[in-house]
Each structure stands twice: as C-alpha cells, then as structure tokens.
C-alpha atoms as a PDB file:
ATOM      1  CA  MET A   1       0.035   0.130   0.222  1.00  0.00           C
ATOM      2  CA  ALA A   2       2.782   2.380   0.857  1.00  0.00           C
ATOM      3  CA  THR A   3       4.506   1.911  -2.527  1.00  0.00           C
ATOM      4  CA  VAL A   4       1.066   2.000  -4.463  1.00  0.00           C
ATOM      5  CA  ILE A   5       0.572   5.727  -2.677  1.00  0.00           C
ATOM      6  CA  LEU A   6       4.328   6.850  -3.185  1.00  0.00           C
ATOM      7  CA  VAL A   7       3.893   5.671  -7.016  1.00  0.00           C
ATOM      8  CA  VAL A   8       0.342   7.534  -7.538  1.00  0.00           C
ATOM      9  CA  LEU A   9       1.675  10.656  -5.492  1.00  0.00           C
ATOM     10  CA  GLY A  10       4.946  10.916  -7.336  1.00  0.00           C
ATOM     11  CA  ILE A  11       2.984  10.643 -10.852  1.00  0.00           C
ATOM     12  CA  ALA A  12       0.214  12.959 -10.030  1.00  0.00           C
ATOM     13  CA  LEU A  13       2.766  15.664  -8.685  1.00  0.00           C
ATOM     14  CA  ALA A  14       5.246  15.113 -11.578  1.00  0.00           C
ATOM     15  CA  GLN A  15       2.106  15.913 -13.941  1.00  0.00           C
ATOM     16  CA  TRP A  16       1.027  19.152 -11.941  1.00  0.00           C
ATOM     17  CA  GLN A  17       4.716  20.339 -12.529  1.00  0.00           C
ATOM     18  CA  THR A  18       4.612  19.526 -16.113  1.00  0.00           C
ATOM     19  CA  ARG A  19       1.372  21.404 -16.747  1.00  0.00           C
ATOM     20  CA  ARG A  20       2.762  24.200 -14.899  1.00  0.00           C
ATOM     21  CA  GLY A  21       5.788  24.078 -17.111  1.00  0.00           C
ATOM     22  CA  ASP A  22       3.653  23.744 -20.114  1.00  0.00           C
ATOM     23  CA  GLN A  23       1.438  26.893 -19.201  1.00  0.00           C
ATOM     24  CA  LYS A  24       4.735  29.127 -18.747  1.00  0.00           C
ATOM     25  CA  GLN A  25       5.941  27.869 -21.924  1.00  0.00           C
ATOM     26  CA  LEU A  26       3.099  29.248 -23.605  1.00  0.00           C
ATOM     27  CA  ILE A  27       3.136  32.612 -21.425  1.00  0.00           C
ATOM     28  CA  GLU A  28       6.909  32.776 -22.502  1.00  0.00           C
ATOM     29  CA  SER A  29       5.653  32.330 -26.315  1.00  0.00           C
ATOM     30  CA  LYS A  30       2.823  34.821 -26.272  1.00  0.00           C
ATOM     31  CA  LEU A  31       5.720  37.173 -24.581  1.00  0.00           C
ATOM     32  CA  LEU A  32       8.183  36.492 -27.402  1.00  0.00           C
ATOM     33  CA  GLN A  33       4.968  37.414 -30.084  1.00  0.00           C
ATOM     34  CA  ARG A  34       3.957  40.393 -28.393  1.00  0.00           C
ATOM     35  CA  GLU A  35       7.226  42.162 -27.794  1.00  0.00           C
ATOM     36  CA  ALA A  36       7.641  41.857 -31.628  1.00  0.00           C
ATOM     37  CA  GLU A  37       4.545  44.025 -32.209  1.00  0.00           C
ATOM     38  CA  PRO A  38       4.501  48.065 -31.941  1.00  0.00           C
ATOM     39  CA  VAL A  39       3.899  49.861 -28.671  1.00  0.00           C
ATOM     40  CA  LEU A  40       0.139  50.187 -28.571  1.00  0.00           C
ATOM     41  CA  THR A  41      -1.837  53.262 -27.499  1.00  0.00           C
ATOM     42  CA  PHE A  42      -4.836  52.705 -25.166  1.00  0.00           C
ATOM     43  CA  GLY A  43      -8.087  54.236 -26.012  1.00  0.00           C
ATOM     44  CA  ALA A  44     -11.524  53.008 -27.134  1.00  0.00           C
ATOM     45  CA  GLY A  45     -12.117  50.087 -28.676  1.00  0.00           C
ATOM     46  CA  THR A  46      -8.290  49.175 -27.933  1.00  0.00           C
ATOM     47  CA  GLY A  47      -9.146  45.437 -27.559  1.00  0.00           C
ATOM     48  CA  ASP A  48     -10.415  42.789 -24.729  1.00  0.00           C
ATOM     49  CA  LEU A  49      -7.685  41.712 -21.904  1.00  0.00           C
ATOM     50  CA  ASP A  50      -7.006  38.865 -24.024  1.00  0.00           C
ATOM     51  CA  GLN A  51      -5.604  40.905 -26.840  1.00  0.00           C
ATOM     52  CA  LEU A  52      -4.071  43.217 -24.567  1.00  0.00           C
ATOM     53  CA  GLU A  53      -2.284  40.769 -21.990  1.00  0.00           C
ATOM     54  CA  TYR A  54       1.742  41.244 -22.359  1.00  0.00           C
ATOM     55  CA  ARG A  55       1.540  43.886 -25.133  1.00  0.00           C
ATOM     56  CA  ARG A  56       3.400  46.952 -24.657  1.00  0.00           C
ATOM     57  CA  LEU A  57       1.024  49.618 -23.949  1.00  0.00           C
ATOM     58  CA  ALA A  58       1.143  53.520 -24.293  1.00  0.00           C
ATOM     59  CA  LEU A  59      -0.764  55.714 -21.447  1.00  0.00           C
ATOM     60  CA  ARG A  60      -1.402  59.277 -21.421  1.00  0.00           C
ATOM     61  CA  GLY A  61      -2.913  60.794 -18.159  1.00  0.00           C
ATOM     62  CA  GLU A  62      -1.760  61.620 -14.608  1.00  0.00           C
ATOM     63  CA  PHE A  63      -0.762  59.560 -11.538  1.00  0.00           C
ATOM     64  CA  ILE A  64      -3.227  59.880  -8.699  1.00  0.00           C
ATOM     65  CA  GLY A  65      -0.741  60.837  -6.129  1.00  0.00           C
ATOM     66  CA  GLY A  66      -2.752  60.629  -2.953  1.00  0.00           C
ATOM     67  CA  TRP A  67      -3.593  56.684  -3.393  1.00  0.00           C
ATOM     68  CA  PRO A  68      -0.165  54.819  -3.521  1.00  0.00           C
ATOM     69  CA  VAL A  69      -0.423  51.330  -2.267  1.00  0.00           C
ATOM     70  CA  TYR A  70       2.855  49.081  -1.514  1.00  0.00           C
ATOM     71  CA  LEU A  71       3.125  45.513  -2.049  1.00  0.00           C
ATOM     72  CA  ASP A  72       5.332  43.868   0.762  1.00  0.00           C
ATOM     73  CA  ASN A  73       7.574  40.750  -0.023  1.00  0.00           C
ATOM     74  CA  ARG A  74       8.826  41.592  -3.463  1.00  0.00           C
ATOM     75  CA  PRO A  75      12.634  40.745  -3.449  1.00  0.00           C
ATOM     76  CA  LEU A  76      14.824  42.105  -5.747  1.00  0.00           C
ATOM     77  CA  ASN A  77      18.309  41.139  -6.403  1.00  0.00           C
ATOM     78  CA  GLY A  78      18.001  39.289  -2.729  1.00  0.00           C
ATOM     79  CA  VAL A  79      17.034  42.645  -1.263  1.00  0.00           C
ATOM     80  CA  ALA A  80      13.600  42.851   0.508  1.00  0.00           C
ATOM     81  CA  GLY A  81      11.277  45.649  -0.907  1.00  0.00           C
ATOM     82  CA  PHE A  82       8.109  46.837  -2.156  1.00  0.00           C
ATOM     83  CA  TYR A  83       6.100  47.428  -5.567  1.00  0.00           C
ATOM     84  CA  VAL A  84       4.769  51.032  -5.603  1.00  0.00           C
ATOM     85  CA  LEU A  85       1.360  50.903  -6.943  1.00  0.00           C
ATOM     86  CA  MET A  86      -0.740  53.883  -8.154  1.00  0.00           C
ATOM     87  CA  PRO A  87      -4.011  54.714  -9.941  1.00  0.00           C
ATOM     88  CA  PHE A  88      -3.237  56.319 -13.212  1.00  0.00           C
ATOM     89  CA  LYS A  89      -6.097  58.663 -14.731  1.00  0.00           C
ATOM     90  CA  LEU A  90      -6.623  58.419 -18.643  1.00  0.00           C
ATOM     91  CA  ALA A  91      -6.396  61.842 -19.880  1.00  0.00           C
ATOM     92  CA  ASP A  92      -9.783  62.363 -21.726  1.00  0.00           C
ATOM     93  CA  ALA A  93     -11.808  59.926 -20.361  1.00  0.00           C
ATOM     94  CA  ASP A  94     -13.272  58.857 -16.649  1.00  0.00           C
ATOM     95  CA  SER A  95     -11.485  55.477 -16.331  1.00  0.00           C
ATOM     96  CA  TYR A  96      -8.061  54.691 -14.722  1.00  0.00           C
ATOM     97  CA  VAL A  97      -5.492  51.903 -14.672  1.00  0.00           C
ATOM     98  CA  LEU A  98      -3.720  50.420 -11.710  1.00  0.00           C
ATOM     99  CA  VAL A  99       0.032  50.964 -12.475  1.00  0.00           C
ATOM    100  CA  ALA A 100       2.998  49.396 -10.867  1.00  0.00           C
ATOM    101  CA  ARG A 101       5.546  52.262 -10.984  1.00  0.00           C
ATOM    102  CA  GLY A 102       8.333  50.555  -9.943  1.00  0.00           C
ATOM    103  CA  TRP A 103      10.644  48.810  -6.691  1.00  0.00           C
ATOM    104  CA  LEU A 104      11.650  50.410  -3.398  1.00  0.00           C
ATOM    105  CA  PRO A 105      14.045  48.794  -0.810  1.00  0.00           C
ATOM    106  CA  ARG A 106      12.377  48.418   2.634  1.00  0.00           C
ATOM    107  CA  ASP A 107      14.110  49.864   5.789  1.00  0.00           C
ATOM    108  CA  PRO A 108      15.462  47.044   7.309  1.00  0.00           C
ATOM    109  CA  SER A 109      14.889  48.217  10.704  1.00  0.00           C
ATOM    110  CA  ASP A 110      11.353  49.987  10.228  1.00  0.00           C
ATOM    111  CA  ARG A 111       9.135  47.878   7.793  1.00  0.00           C
ATOM    112  CA  SER A 112       6.792  50.903   7.651  1.00  0.00           C
ATOM    113  CA  LYS A 113       9.421  53.482   6.503  1.00  0.00           C
ATOM    114  CA  LEU A 114       9.445  54.005   3.077  1.00  0.00           C
ATOM    115  CA  PRO A 115      11.927  55.991   1.145  1.00  0.00           C
ATOM    116  CA  PRO A 116      11.026  59.239  -0.454  1.00  0.00           C
ATOM    117  CA  TYR A 117      10.041  58.997  -4.300  1.00  0.00           C
ATOM    118  CA  PRO A 118       8.911  61.873  -6.839  1.00  0.00           C
ATOM    119  CA  THR A 119       5.531  61.734  -8.416  1.00  0.00           C
ATOM    120  CA  PRO A 120       4.991  63.168 -11.686  1.00  0.00           C
ATOM    121  CA  ALA A 121       2.629  66.210 -11.711  1.00  0.00           C
ATOM    122  CA  GLY A 122       0.278  66.924 -14.340  1.00  0.00           C
ATOM    123  CA  THR A 123      -0.377  65.127 -17.598  1.00  0.00           C
ATOM    124  CA  VAL A 124       2.257  62.497 -18.547  1.00  0.00           C
ATOM    125  CA  GLU A 125       3.156  59.787 -20.682  1.00  0.00           C
ATOM    126  CA  ILE A 126       4.266  56.418 -19.883  1.00  0.00           C
ATOM    127  CA  GLU A 127       4.948  53.043 -21.315  1.00  0.00           C
ATOM    128  CA  GLY A 128       4.337  49.511 -19.681  1.00  0.00           C
ATOM    129  CA  LEU A 129       3.507  45.803 -20.207  1.00  0.00           C
ATOM    130  CA  VAL A 130      -0.049  44.651 -19.509  1.00  0.00           C
ATOM    131  CA  ARG A 131      -0.772  42.173 -16.917  1.00  0.00           C
ATOM    132  CA  ARG A 132      -3.517  40.567 -15.653  1.00  0.00           C
ATOM    133  CA  ASP A 133      -2.469  40.750 -11.689  1.00  0.00           C
ATOM    134  CA  PHE A 134       0.695  41.612  -9.731  1.00  0.00           C
ATOM    135  CA  GLY A 135       0.989  37.938  -8.996  1.00  0.00           C
ATOM    136  CA  HIS A 136       0.273  36.239  -5.462  1.00  0.00           C
ATOM    137  CA  VAL A 137       2.421  35.518  -2.317  1.00  0.00           C
ATOM    138  CA  MET A 138       1.631  33.841   0.753  1.00  0.00           C
ATOM    139  CA  GLN A 139      -0.522  35.646   3.290  1.00  0.00           C
ATOM    140  CA  LEU A 140      -0.763  35.264   6.852  1.00  0.00           C
ATOM    141  CA  GLY A 141      -4.017  36.626   8.396  1.00  0.00           C
ATOM    142  CA  ASP A 142      -6.468  39.261   7.481  1.00  0.00           C
ATOM    143  CA  ALA A 143      -4.767  42.491   5.945  1.00  0.00           C
ATOM    144  CA  GLY A 144      -7.441  44.776   7.187  1.00  0.00           C
ATOM    145  CA  PRO A 145      -9.212  47.526   5.003  1.00  0.00           C
ATOM    146  CA  LEU A 146      -7.532  49.151   2.223  1.00  0.00           C
ATOM    147  CA  GLN A 147      -6.618  52.544   2.166  1.00  0.00           C
ATOM    148  CA  PRO A 148      -4.349  55.184   0.773  1.00  0.00           C
ATOM    149  CA  GLY A 149      -0.636  54.174   1.592  1.00  0.00           C
ATOM    150  CA  ALA A 150      -1.368  50.947   2.936  1.00  0.00           C
ATOM    151  CA  ILE A 151       1.270  48.052   3.043  1.00  0.00           C
ATOM    152  CA  VAL A 152      -0.234  44.811   1.600  1.00  0.00           C
ATOM    153  CA  GLN A 153       1.082  41.135   0.853  1.00  0.00           C
ATOM    154  CA  ASN A 154      -1.547  40.719  -1.835  1.00  0.00           C
ATOM    155  CA  LEU A 155      -3.943  43.114  -3.895  1.00  0.00           C
ATOM    156  CA  ALA A 156      -6.760  42.768  -6.528  1.00  0.00           C
ATOM    157  CA  ILE A 157      -8.183  45.027  -9.009  1.00  0.00           C
ATOM    158  CA  GLY A 158     -11.396  44.557  -7.642  1.00  0.00           C
ATOM    159  CA  GLU A 159     -10.516  45.416  -4.035  1.00  0.00           C
ATOM    160  CA  PHE A 160      -8.569  48.252  -4.720  1.00  0.00           C
ATOM    161  CA  ALA A 161     -11.578  49.784  -7.044  1.00  0.00           C
ATOM    162  CA  ALA A 162     -13.996  49.034  -4.171  1.00  0.00           C
ATOM    163  CA  ALA A 163     -11.869  50.977  -1.835  1.00  0.00           C
ATOM    164  CA  SER A 164     -10.871  54.073  -3.801  1.00  0.00           C
ATOM    165  CA  LYS A 165     -14.143  54.172  -5.672  1.00  0.00           C
ATOM    166  CA  PHE A 166     -11.800  54.838  -8.946  1.00  0.00           C
ATOM    167  CA  LYS A 167     -13.876  53.167 -12.144  1.00  0.00           C
ATOM    168  CA  LEU A 168     -10.519  50.702 -13.154  1.00  0.00           C
ATOM    169  CA  GLN A 169      -9.532  49.118 -16.201  1.00  0.00           C
ATOM    170  CA  PRO A 170      -9.928  44.968 -15.835  1.00  0.00           C
ATOM    171  CA  PHE A 171      -5.869  45.094 -15.886  1.00  0.00           C
ATOM    172  CA  VAL A 172      -2.625  46.497 -14.489  1.00  0.00           C
ATOM    173  CA  VAL A 173       0.347  47.869 -15.950  1.00  0.00           C
ATOM    174  CA  GLU A 174       3.886  47.454 -14.958  1.00  0.00           C
ATOM    175  CA  GLN A 175       5.923  50.663 -16.129  1.00  0.00           C
ATOM    176  CA  THR A 176       8.713  50.402 -18.173  1.00  0.00           C
ATOM    177  CA  SER A 177       9.233  54.065 -19.170  1.00  0.00           C
ATOM    178  CA  ALA A 178      11.765  55.896 -17.267  1.00  0.00           C
ATOM    179  CA  ALA A 179      10.426  58.766 -15.252  1.00  0.00           C
ATOM    180  CA  GLY A 180      13.355  60.008 -13.380  1.00  0.00           C
ATOM    181  CA  ASP A 181      11.593  58.729  -9.851  1.00  0.00           C
ATOM    182  CA  GLN A 182      14.271  56.757  -8.168  1.00  0.00           C
ATOM    183  CA  LEU A 183      12.415  53.781  -8.775  1.00  0.00           C
ATOM    184  CA  GLN A 184      13.787  50.566 -10.311  1.00  0.00           C
ATOM    185  CA  ARG A 185      11.951  48.921 -12.977  1.00  0.00           C
ATOM    186  CA  THR A 186      13.303  45.385 -13.511  1.00  0.00           C
ATOM    187  CA  TRP A 187      10.292  43.196 -13.452  1.00  0.00           C
ATOM    188  CA  PRO A 188      10.257  39.311 -12.951  1.00  0.00           C
ATOM    189  CA  SER A 189       9.065  37.511 -16.175  1.00  0.00           C
ATOM    190  CA  PRO A 190       5.608  36.014 -16.063  1.00  0.00           C
ATOM    191  CA  SER A 191       7.103  32.913 -17.644  1.00  0.00           C
ATOM    192  CA  LEU A 192      10.259  32.682 -15.120  1.00  0.00           C
ATOM    193  CA  GLY A 193      10.541  29.260 -13.498  1.00  0.00           C
ATOM    194  CA  ILE A 194       9.835  26.959 -16.754  1.00  0.00           C
ATOM    195  CA  GLU A 195      12.999  24.869 -15.960  1.00  0.00           C
ATOM    196  CA  ARG A 196      12.722  24.649 -12.452  1.00  0.00           C
ATOM    197  CA  HIS A 197       9.057  23.089 -13.040  1.00  0.00           C
ATOM    198  CA  ARG A 198      10.616  20.550 -15.648  1.00  0.00           C
ATOM    199  CA  GLY A 199      13.625  19.913 -12.798  1.00  0.00           C
ATOM    200  CA  TYR A 200      10.477  19.231 -10.027  1.00  0.00           C
ATOM    201  CA  ALA A 201       8.718  16.809 -12.569  1.00  0.00           C
ATOM    202  CA  PHE A 202      11.679  15.105 -13.134  1.00  0.00           C
ATOM    203  CA  GLN A 203      12.081  14.337  -9.438  1.00  0.00           C
ATOM    204  CA  TRP A 204       8.822  13.241  -8.681  1.00  0.00           C
ATOM    205  CA  TYR A 205       8.669  10.940 -11.530  1.00  0.00           C
ATOM    206  CA  ALA A 206      12.030   9.304 -10.328  1.00  0.00           C
ATOM    207  CA  LEU A 207      10.608   9.160  -6.977  1.00  0.00           C
ATOM    208  CA  ALA A 208       7.869   6.900  -8.349  1.00  0.00           C
ATOM    209  CA  VAL A 209      10.366   4.739 -10.281  1.00  0.00           C
ATOM    210  CA  MET A 210      12.527   4.230  -7.351  1.00  0.00           C
ATOM    211  CA  ALA A 211       9.606   2.855  -5.118  1.00  0.00           C
ATOM    212  CA  PHE A 212       8.745   0.775  -7.864  1.00  0.00           C
ATOM    213  CA  ILE A 213      11.904  -0.491  -7.677  1.00  0.00           C
ATOM    214  CA  PHE A 214      12.164  -0.895  -4.301  1.00  0.00           C
ATOM    215  CA  PHE A 215       9.091  -2.882  -4.151  1.00  0.00           C
ATOM    216  CA  VAL A 216      10.008  -5.314  -7.021  1.00  0.00           C
ATOM    217  CA  VAL A 217      13.143  -5.610  -5.300  1.00  0.00           C
ATOM    218  CA  THR A 218      12.469  -6.405  -1.508  1.00  0.00           C
ATOM    219  CA  GLY A 219       9.874  -8.431  -2.861  1.00  0.00           C
ATOM    220  CA  PHE A 220      12.000 -10.827  -4.858  1.00  0.00           C
ATOM    221  CA  ARG A 221      14.376 -10.997  -2.221  1.00  0.00           C
ATOM    222  CA  ARG A 222      11.879 -12.248   0.218  1.00  0.00           C
ATOM    223  CA  GLY A 223      10.642 -14.706  -2.360  1.00  0.00           C
ATOM    224  CA  SER A 224      14.089 -16.249  -2.573  1.00  0.00           C
ATOM    225  CA  GLU A 225      14.620 -15.941   1.304  1.00  0.00           C
ATOM    226  CA  ASN A 226      11.397 -17.750   1.480  1.00  0.00           C
ATOM    227  CA  THR A 227      12.251 -20.253  -1.059  1.00  0.00           C
ATOM    228  CA  ASN A 228      16.059 -21.471   0.287  1.00  0.00           C
ATOM    229  CA  LYS A 229      14.665 -22.219   3.782  1.00  0.00           C
ATOM    230  CA  PRO A 230      14.672 -25.835   4.780  1.00  0.00           C
ATOM    231  CA  ALA A 231      11.360 -27.672   5.154  1.00  0.00           C
ATOM    232  CA  ALA A 232      11.496 -27.693   8.713  1.00  0.00           C
ATOM    233  CA  GLN A 233      11.921 -24.092   9.256  1.00  0.00           C
ATOM    234  CA  GLN A 234       9.177 -22.986   6.782  1.00  0.00           C
ATOM    235  CA  SER A 235       6.850 -25.693   8.744  1.00  0.00           C
ATOM    236  CA  GLY A 236       8.072 -24.939  11.993  1.00  0.00           C
END
C-alpha cells in the first residue's frame, strides 16, 4: 500500500509540475510574439484583455499621488522591498489604470518606513507591460481595510476599485518607461521558472520509479529467502 501511494503521488505531482511548465512555456511564446509588435496606444476600442495581455501599452494621463499602495515581500536581487502601485487617470476619459510604478527597498529596521520618491505632476505619458494582476505571495492573517499608503501582501483590482471608488480597467500595467523617480523597474518575467518546473517533474517521476523498483527488489528478495529456507523451518 505504501508503494502504491508513493507511485501514485509521485506521478500526480510530476504531471502537475509538467502542466505548470507547459503553461509558462505558452506564456513565454506569447511574450516573445507580442514583444515584436509595436507599442499600442490605449484608447476606445483597443481590445479585450486577452488581446492586451503582455502587450506594450502607452498611456497618457496623470498619477493620483494621494492613493499609493505598496506590495510587500517583493525582493529584487536578494534585497527585500515593495512594489509601488498607483492609480493613473487616463486623459480625456473617466477611467483609471492601476500602475506598478517600480520597486523600492525596505528599511531593515522599520518595515513601515518608506524611502521618498517623486510623483510626476500633471499630464504625462508612460509605457508598460499589460498584466492580469500583480501575482500572489503567501499571506498570513487578514490585511484589514485598504486605504491610501497601505502596505499589503496581495492586491486584487476589484478590491482596489471598491476601496478607492475609481473606475479601473480590468488589467494592471508594469511601467517600463523611465521617469526620473528613483524607482527601479526590473520586473520578473511572468514565464520565469519553466526549467524549475521541469526539474521538479523529473524528481517526482524519479521518486515514483524508485518506489516501484524498491517494491520489486524487496519482494524478489523475500521470495528467494522463503524458497531457500529448509522445509522444517518453513513448517515450524
């Protein structure tokens, strides 16, 4: 029974890791395809989210500096830090886009202390990569009500829209254009980890094979030992 459980578990987890690797491979293919396409200027009739995802998008409008939110536990090159999120009001439209402006390091002695960074005033033009969300990290406990300046582990677009009362587009943008605001913009690739998933899949398949081989070898040895015992020992 233990062997059967190990074999089934190993195969199931290996297949799950293989599917995760395949999903990220599809993302990688889509990224490469859409990186080759020209920068798209967002406007009426631009397209739905499936068409926009991973496109390079140009936005014109202004940042709402009074509503920053900070995503915690986003390290960069081994240094703990935050993603700075801020709503961006589109010019000539009653609509907003949630923008990840960049990364800030965390003060090791005081988690709530944030380094200063400037926010452009007035109408500006920015470019960035369209994403469905900012990804998720493990979260313990309730984050509490969302408010300006909050430090959170995870953030959903709907949650931000409900708290801020802004009419948000159903996507987020990772800003890539320079702005002279002291924020770093080295974003992790959404397809990162393909080889890691492949490696995990191999390890789980190997575990299943080893469990099966162990069962066969030990069973063979036990059978041989019983066959070689004297008749008196077997009957006794």
